[in-house]
Protein backbone atom coordinates (compact mmCIF):
# COMPACT_ATOMS: atom_id res chain seq x y z
CA MET A 1 4.95 86.04 -69.00
CA LYS A 2 1.34 85.05 -68.29
CA LEU A 3 -0.77 81.78 -69.09
CA THR A 4 -3.35 79.81 -67.91
CA VAL A 5 -3.16 75.99 -68.01
CA GLU A 6 -4.67 72.83 -66.67
CA THR A 7 -3.20 71.91 -63.39
CA LYS A 8 -2.66 68.28 -64.09
CA HIS A 9 -0.66 68.99 -67.53
CA LEU A 10 1.46 71.54 -65.62
CA GLU A 11 2.08 68.73 -63.20
CA ALA A 12 3.09 66.22 -65.64
CA ALA A 13 5.33 68.51 -67.30
CA LEU A 14 7.17 69.53 -64.12
CA LYS A 15 7.56 66.20 -63.14
CA LEU A 16 9.18 65.19 -66.20
CA VAL A 17 11.74 68.15 -66.64
CA ALA A 18 12.53 68.07 -63.10
CA ARG A 19 14.49 64.98 -63.63
CA ALA A 20 17.08 66.83 -65.20
CA VAL A 21 17.53 69.36 -62.49
CA PRO A 22 20.62 68.64 -60.03
CA ARG A 23 20.10 68.43 -56.53
CA LYS A 24 23.47 70.26 -55.91
CA SER A 25 25.19 72.42 -58.57
CA SER A 26 28.28 74.88 -58.79
CA LEU A 27 25.72 76.87 -60.88
CA PRO A 28 22.90 77.63 -58.34
CA VAL A 29 20.56 78.80 -61.38
CA THR A 30 20.29 75.36 -62.74
CA GLN A 31 18.35 74.14 -59.54
CA ASN A 32 15.48 75.98 -61.21
CA VAL A 33 13.28 75.28 -64.18
CA LEU A 34 12.92 77.76 -66.96
CA MET A 35 9.36 78.57 -67.82
CA GLU A 36 8.83 80.52 -71.07
CA VAL A 37 5.48 81.50 -72.60
CA ARG A 38 5.33 81.82 -76.38
CA GLY A 39 1.64 82.57 -77.73
CA ASN A 40 -0.57 80.11 -75.87
CA TYR A 41 2.42 77.57 -75.07
CA LEU A 42 4.61 77.11 -72.02
CA GLN A 43 7.69 75.48 -72.45
CA LEU A 44 9.42 74.21 -69.21
CA LEU A 45 13.12 73.27 -69.38
CA GLY A 46 15.56 71.77 -66.91
CA THR A 47 19.28 71.20 -67.14
CA ASN A 48 22.27 69.93 -65.23
CA LEU A 49 24.70 71.47 -68.08
CA GLU A 50 25.28 67.87 -69.46
CA VAL A 51 21.67 67.34 -70.47
CA ALA A 52 18.70 69.51 -70.97
CA LEU A 53 15.00 68.28 -70.77
CA SER A 54 12.11 70.20 -71.93
CA ALA A 55 8.27 69.67 -72.23
CA VAL A 56 5.67 72.01 -74.04
CA ILE A 57 2.04 72.20 -72.81
CA ARG A 58 -0.73 74.37 -74.19
CA GLY A 59 -2.63 76.89 -72.42
CA SER A 60 -4.87 79.97 -73.12
CA ASP A 61 -4.67 83.82 -72.61
CA GLY A 62 -0.93 83.68 -73.13
CA GLU A 63 1.52 86.58 -72.85
CA ASP A 64 5.01 85.95 -73.76
CA GLY A 65 7.92 86.11 -71.33
CA ALA A 66 9.98 83.91 -69.16
CA VAL A 67 11.04 83.21 -65.60
CA ALA A 68 13.05 80.59 -63.78
CA VAL A 69 11.60 79.18 -60.49
CA PRO A 70 12.45 76.03 -58.11
CA PRO A 71 10.28 72.98 -59.49
CA LYS A 72 9.94 71.38 -55.99
CA ALA A 73 8.27 74.20 -54.22
CA LEU A 74 5.82 74.63 -57.18
CA GLN A 75 5.01 70.84 -57.58
CA GLU A 76 3.83 70.84 -53.88
CA VAL A 77 1.51 73.61 -54.49
CA LEU A 78 -0.02 72.15 -57.34
CA LYS A 79 -0.79 68.90 -55.54
CA GLY A 80 -4.71 68.36 -55.50
CA LYS A 81 -5.54 71.70 -56.50
CA ALA A 82 -8.01 73.41 -58.88
CA GLU A 83 -8.50 72.10 -62.47
CA SER A 84 -6.55 75.15 -63.81
CA VAL A 85 -3.95 77.69 -62.75
CA THR A 86 -2.66 80.87 -64.10
CA LEU A 87 1.10 81.84 -64.02
CA GLN A 88 2.30 85.08 -64.14
CA SER A 89 5.87 86.44 -63.83
CA THR A 90 6.72 89.39 -61.49
CA PRO A 91 9.57 91.86 -62.08
CA LYS A 92 10.05 92.84 -58.33
CA PRO A 93 10.73 90.58 -56.75
CA VAL A 94 11.52 88.48 -59.79
CA GLY A 95 9.42 85.41 -59.49
CA LEU A 96 6.24 83.67 -60.42
CA SER A 97 2.71 84.52 -59.35
CA VAL A 98 0.50 81.55 -59.15
CA ALA A 99 -3.19 81.99 -58.89
CA LEU A 100 -5.66 79.23 -58.12
CA ARG A 101 -8.98 78.71 -56.11
CA GLY A 102 -9.08 82.36 -55.23
CA SER A 103 -5.55 82.40 -53.77
CA THR A 104 -2.32 83.79 -55.02
CA ILE A 105 1.04 82.25 -54.15
CA GLN A 106 4.27 84.31 -54.95
CA PHE A 107 7.38 82.18 -55.79
CA ASN A 108 10.82 84.20 -55.78
CA GLY A 109 12.75 83.08 -58.75
CA VAL A 110 15.67 83.82 -61.25
CA ASP A 111 15.69 86.16 -64.31
CA ALA A 112 15.48 84.10 -67.31
CA ALA A 113 18.46 86.01 -68.88
CA GLU A 114 20.56 84.28 -66.24
CA PHE A 115 19.68 80.53 -67.05
CA PRO A 116 22.38 78.77 -69.12
CA PRO A 117 21.62 78.74 -72.88
CA THR A 118 20.88 75.65 -74.75
CA SER A 119 22.12 74.37 -78.05
CA LYS A 120 20.40 76.01 -80.95
CA SER A 121 22.32 74.89 -84.02
CA GLU A 122 21.11 71.51 -85.16
CA THR A 123 21.24 69.19 -88.31
CA PRO A 124 18.55 66.49 -88.79
CA ALA A 125 20.13 63.01 -88.45
CA ALA A 126 17.33 60.51 -88.59
CA THR A 127 13.92 59.67 -87.69
CA VAL A 128 13.31 56.46 -85.68
CA VAL A 129 10.50 54.21 -84.40
CA ALA A 130 10.18 55.30 -80.81
CA SER A 131 9.10 51.85 -79.56
CA GLU A 132 12.16 50.31 -81.23
CA LEU A 133 14.56 52.80 -79.57
CA LEU A 134 13.06 52.33 -76.31
CA LYS A 135 13.45 48.68 -76.47
CA GLY A 136 16.90 48.86 -77.45
CA ILE A 137 17.81 51.41 -74.60
CA ALA A 138 16.11 49.18 -72.04
CA GLN A 139 18.05 46.04 -73.05
CA CYS A 140 21.45 47.59 -73.41
CA LEU A 141 21.51 50.14 -70.52
CA HIS A 142 22.56 47.76 -67.97
CA GLY A 143 25.67 46.82 -69.71
CA VAL A 144 27.19 50.40 -69.68
CA ALA A 145 30.29 50.41 -67.70
CA ARG A 146 30.14 51.68 -63.99
CA SER A 147 33.77 52.63 -63.87
CA ASP A 148 35.09 55.80 -65.68
CA SER A 149 38.44 54.20 -66.30
CA ARG A 150 37.60 54.19 -70.11
CA PRO A 151 35.11 57.07 -70.53
CA VAL A 152 33.71 55.79 -73.74
CA LEU A 153 32.40 52.67 -72.17
CA THR A 154 30.37 54.91 -69.82
CA ALA A 155 28.36 55.57 -72.90
CA LEU A 156 25.60 54.01 -74.95
CA CYS A 157 26.82 53.47 -78.49
CA MET A 158 24.26 54.70 -80.88
CA ASP A 159 24.65 53.94 -84.57
CA LEU A 160 21.80 55.57 -86.41
CA TRP A 161 21.04 55.43 -90.36
CA GLU A 162 18.95 58.01 -92.08
CA SER A 163 16.35 55.01 -93.07
CA GLY A 164 15.67 54.95 -89.39
CA SER A 165 17.69 51.53 -88.83
CA MET A 166 19.60 51.66 -85.53
CA LYS A 167 22.46 49.46 -83.61
CA LEU A 168 23.02 49.99 -79.95
CA ALA A 169 25.66 48.74 -77.92
CA SER A 170 27.07 48.62 -74.37
CA ALA A 171 30.23 47.37 -72.99
CA ASP A 172 32.40 46.61 -69.88
CA SER A 173 35.27 44.53 -69.34
CA PHE A 174 33.18 41.32 -68.97
CA ARG A 175 29.96 41.55 -71.19
CA LEU A 176 28.78 43.26 -74.56
CA CYS A 177 25.31 44.07 -75.14
CA THR A 178 24.10 44.71 -78.66
CA TYR A 179 20.48 45.68 -80.15
CA LYS A 180 19.76 46.14 -84.05
CA LYS A 181 16.83 46.95 -85.87
CA GLY A 182 16.33 47.50 -89.44
CA VAL A 183 18.63 47.02 -92.40
CA GLN A 184 21.89 48.73 -91.92
CA LYS A 185 23.42 50.02 -95.31
CA GLY A 186 26.01 52.74 -95.85
CA GLU A 187 27.83 54.55 -92.99
CA PRO A 188 25.78 55.37 -89.92
CA ILE A 189 26.00 58.41 -87.66
CA ARG A 190 27.54 57.18 -84.40
CA VAL A 191 26.74 59.05 -81.06
CA LEU A 192 27.99 58.21 -77.58
CA LEU A 193 25.19 59.00 -75.37
CA PRO A 194 25.96 59.50 -71.70
CA ALA A 195 24.15 56.72 -69.42
CA SER A 196 22.45 59.28 -67.42
CA SER A 197 21.19 60.86 -70.64
CA ALA A 198 20.00 57.49 -71.84
CA ARG A 199 18.03 56.87 -68.71
CA LEU A 200 16.15 60.27 -69.10
CA LEU A 201 15.30 59.51 -72.90
CA GLN A 202 14.02 56.24 -71.71
CA THR A 203 11.83 57.95 -68.83
CA ALA A 204 10.64 60.60 -71.40
CA ILE A 205 9.82 57.93 -74.08
CA GLN A 206 7.64 55.89 -71.40
CA GLY A 207 5.88 58.96 -70.15
CA THR A 208 4.89 60.37 -73.42
CA ALA A 209 4.52 57.44 -75.96
CA PRO A 210 5.60 58.94 -79.04
CA GLU A 211 5.25 57.06 -82.33
CA VAL A 212 8.83 58.61 -83.75
CA ILE A 213 11.74 60.47 -82.33
CA THR A 214 13.62 63.10 -84.59
CA VAL A 215 17.47 62.69 -83.84
CA THR A 216 19.40 65.76 -84.56
CA LEU A 217 23.12 66.71 -84.12
CA HIS A 218 24.70 69.68 -82.62
CA PRO A 219 27.89 71.00 -83.99
CA ASP A 220 30.18 73.44 -82.25
CA ALA A 221 31.65 76.56 -84.18
CA LYS A 222 34.29 74.25 -85.63
CA GLY A 223 31.76 71.65 -86.88
CA VAL A 224 32.46 68.99 -84.27
CA ILE A 225 29.57 67.32 -82.99
CA THR A 226 29.31 67.94 -79.33
CA ALA A 227 25.50 67.28 -78.78
CA VAL A 228 22.80 65.12 -79.63
CA GLY A 229 19.15 66.14 -79.65
CA PHE A 230 15.91 64.04 -79.45
CA ALA A 231 12.64 65.51 -80.14
CA LEU A 232 9.34 63.37 -79.35
CA LEU A 233 5.88 64.25 -80.39
CA PRO A 234 3.41 62.48 -78.44
CA THR A 235 0.67 61.59 -80.94
CA LYS A 236 -2.32 62.28 -78.51
CA ALA A 237 -0.63 65.11 -76.37
CA ARG A 238 -0.43 62.51 -73.59
CA LEU A 239 -1.06 64.36 -70.19
CA GLY A 240 -1.42 67.59 -72.18
CA ILE A 241 2.42 67.60 -73.35
CA VAL A 242 2.64 68.27 -77.09
CA LYS A 243 6.40 68.05 -77.39
CA VAL A 244 9.37 66.97 -75.40
CA SER A 245 12.96 67.49 -76.44
CA LEU A 246 16.31 66.09 -74.92
CA VAL A 247 19.53 67.50 -75.78
CA SER A 248 22.68 66.00 -74.23
CA GLN A 249 26.67 66.36 -74.38
CA VAL A 250 28.06 63.41 -76.02
CA VAL A 251 31.07 61.54 -74.77
CA GLU A 252 34.18 62.09 -76.94
CA GLY A 253 36.41 59.20 -77.95
CA THR A 254 36.46 56.06 -80.38
CA TYR A 255 34.15 53.01 -79.39
CA PRO A 256 35.74 49.77 -79.72
CA SER A 257 34.93 47.58 -82.95
CA TYR A 258 32.71 45.35 -80.81
CA GLU A 259 31.30 43.29 -83.95
CA GLN A 260 34.58 41.34 -83.87
CA LEU A 261 34.28 40.29 -80.27
CA MET A 262 31.11 38.30 -81.27
CA PRO A 263 32.07 34.61 -80.81
CA THR A 264 31.44 32.39 -84.01
CA ASP A 265 33.00 29.03 -83.09
CA ASN A 266 30.40 27.95 -80.51
CA THR A 267 30.11 23.98 -80.00
CA THR A 268 27.24 24.09 -77.60
CA GLU A 269 23.70 25.57 -77.84
CA VAL A 270 21.21 25.35 -74.99
CA ILE A 271 17.53 26.39 -75.25
CA VAL A 272 15.86 26.61 -71.79
CA GLY A 273 12.64 28.07 -70.36
CA ARG A 274 13.61 31.74 -69.03
CA GLN A 275 11.35 31.84 -65.99
CA ALA A 276 12.67 28.17 -64.83
CA LEU A 277 16.16 29.12 -65.41
CA LEU A 278 15.51 32.56 -63.44
CA GLU A 279 14.03 30.66 -60.44
CA ALA A 280 16.93 28.26 -60.43
CA VAL A 281 19.54 31.11 -60.53
CA LYS A 282 17.66 33.07 -57.67
CA ALA A 283 17.63 29.86 -55.48
CA ALA A 284 21.31 29.29 -56.21
CA GLN A 285 21.77 33.01 -55.18
CA PRO A 286 22.72 32.90 -51.40
CA PHE A 287 25.61 29.87 -52.36
CA ALA A 288 26.74 32.15 -55.23
CA ASN A 289 27.15 35.28 -53.15
CA ASP A 290 29.19 33.14 -50.59
CA SER A 291 31.57 31.93 -53.34
CA GLY A 292 32.73 35.02 -55.35
CA GLY A 293 29.17 35.36 -57.29
CA SER A 294 29.85 32.19 -59.61
CA ILE A 295 26.71 30.26 -60.94
CA ARG A 296 27.87 26.95 -62.64
CA LEU A 297 26.08 25.78 -65.74
CA TRP A 298 26.17 22.52 -67.51
CA ALA A 299 24.42 21.01 -70.36
CA GLU A 300 24.03 17.37 -71.61
CA GLY A 301 21.27 15.32 -73.25
CA GLY A 302 18.08 16.83 -72.49
CA THR A 303 18.81 18.96 -69.16
CA VAL A 304 20.85 22.02 -68.14
CA GLY A 305 22.25 22.16 -64.75
CA VAL A 306 22.73 25.01 -62.35
CA SER A 307 24.59 25.05 -59.34
CA ALA A 308 26.55 27.00 -56.76
CA LYS A 309 28.95 26.08 -54.08
CA ALA A 310 30.13 27.76 -51.06
CA GLU A 311 32.81 26.65 -48.94
CA VAL A 312 30.96 27.66 -45.72
CA LEU A 313 27.26 27.59 -46.52
CA GLY A 314 27.17 24.55 -48.67
CA SER A 315 26.15 24.04 -52.09
CA TYR A 316 22.89 24.01 -54.30
CA SER A 317 22.17 22.20 -57.62
CA GLN A 318 19.32 21.78 -59.86
CA GLU A 319 18.59 20.37 -63.24
CA LEU A 320 16.23 21.72 -65.85
CA ALA A 321 14.59 20.20 -68.79
CA ALA A 322 16.29 21.70 -71.92
CA GLU A 323 16.91 21.39 -75.69
CA VAL A 324 20.62 20.77 -76.10
CA LYS A 325 22.46 20.82 -79.56
CA GLY A 326 25.95 19.92 -80.20
CA GLU A 327 28.46 18.66 -77.73
CA PRO A 328 27.92 18.69 -73.86
CA GLY A 329 29.44 21.79 -72.18
CA LYS A 330 30.15 23.56 -69.06
CA THR A 331 30.80 27.29 -68.01
CA ALA A 332 30.45 29.46 -65.13
CA VAL A 333 28.91 33.05 -65.21
CA ASN A 334 28.90 35.86 -62.42
CA ILE A 335 25.30 35.68 -60.97
CA THR A 336 24.72 39.70 -61.26
CA TYR A 337 25.27 39.52 -65.04
CA ILE A 338 23.03 36.48 -65.58
CA LEU A 339 20.22 38.12 -63.30
CA GLU A 340 20.42 41.48 -65.35
CA MET A 341 20.59 39.69 -68.71
CA LEU A 342 17.51 37.47 -67.69
CA ALA A 343 15.43 40.80 -66.77
CA VAL A 344 15.81 42.43 -69.95
CA LEU A 345 14.74 39.18 -71.97
CA LYS A 346 11.10 38.88 -72.17
CA GLY A 347 10.45 35.83 -74.36
CA ASP A 348 9.61 32.45 -72.89
CA ASN A 349 12.76 30.83 -73.58
CA VAL A 350 16.59 31.85 -73.38
CA SER A 351 19.25 30.31 -75.66
CA LEU A 352 22.84 30.10 -74.54
CA ARG A 353 25.80 29.31 -77.05
CA PHE A 354 29.57 28.67 -76.11
CA ALA A 355 32.46 26.49 -76.92
CA THR A 356 34.55 25.71 -73.91
CA PRO A 357 34.66 26.88 -69.91
CA SER A 358 37.14 29.49 -70.92
CA SER A 359 35.26 31.06 -74.06
CA PRO A 360 32.61 33.71 -74.09
CA MET A 361 28.87 32.97 -73.86
CA VAL A 362 26.23 34.29 -76.33
CA TRP A 363 22.82 34.82 -74.60
CA ALA A 364 19.60 35.54 -76.61
CA ASP A 365 15.99 35.18 -76.88
CA PRO A 366 15.83 32.29 -79.55
CA ASP A 367 12.74 33.95 -80.98
CA ASP A 368 14.05 37.60 -81.15
CA LEU A 369 17.33 37.69 -82.33
CA ASP A 370 17.60 41.74 -82.43
CA TYR A 371 19.24 41.61 -78.79
CA LEU A 372 22.49 39.48 -78.09
CA GLU A 373 24.30 39.73 -74.90
CA VAL A 374 28.11 38.19 -74.79
CA ILE A 375 29.33 37.52 -71.02
CA MET A 376 32.73 36.45 -70.33
CA PRO A 377 32.95 33.28 -67.94
CA MET A 378 34.29 33.06 -64.52
CA PHE A 379 37.23 30.68 -64.27
CA ILE A 380 36.52 28.32 -61.30
CA GLN A 381 37.92 24.83 -60.20
CA TRP A 382 35.55 22.17 -61.45
């Protein structure tokens, strides 16, 4: 293979795909990035066997071929170097020759034939608006279960419709996050995307700013969907990248019917300034951390109270101006959960609905109800 490319474009592509390269692996070849030239295009691909991430950049004077090389050393060499670089594979030793500014650097590599193959068979499933999918991932990802005692809960549940509508969900034993966009008609295609793959997809969308994303399904020989693909086409070839593809294995299993967990019998509703609530919770954090992580909330009249009580350290209490509808009420919430929830809501206000101290809470941005988060209360002695 041979190709001349802009250094900054190669750096950007390497930085992206290297995120899928494992630091340690039982298959050492995966600690390399596969570089393949077809015509005047260079595809770089990294994989940890669970997810494969590739980026394509344009070059000139191309000769077809491929080789796999370690990405970190190549990234170091490219820093602050000439505007363009010529890449050429070498047969003996197998590797990559890098020519820039009159110097030539030889990297030892691995024959491309030894690199694990990626899924080729695919079926188009949906085309979605990239900004909407990015928002849904950003808001739901923190709710994915950390424990693998129930593997399906370690995934981001994605329901996709051909129309481009979507519904995303994440859950653990104590909270549920849901995001929806568009009108959901008919049966969706459900994909359980591992959280690590969802984070990579989030990074790829942020780094390339595509307008739309094409989602594909990858069946095995028996027709069972084992992987899902996402094709990103940057509208202005951002940083020289003309295409990004992510193909990930899916988590097998049946996701819980989470819609029925959404409370509907709430008797208290509070609307309060998000920033004011965030500052109050952070001020109470030292006391909450010393008392099992509980933040107490109560609503009555035109105020909502925030407090935390620690047996050794003492206590903290603050009242905030709020709009309270329905009956006065009180509840307690884990401080980690409320901080993570407030971090993904971006509006000026936040709403809280609940019925009793023992009933689930529903949190949302009152001006943007696409995203809802249900959090189970903590049981404390009032």
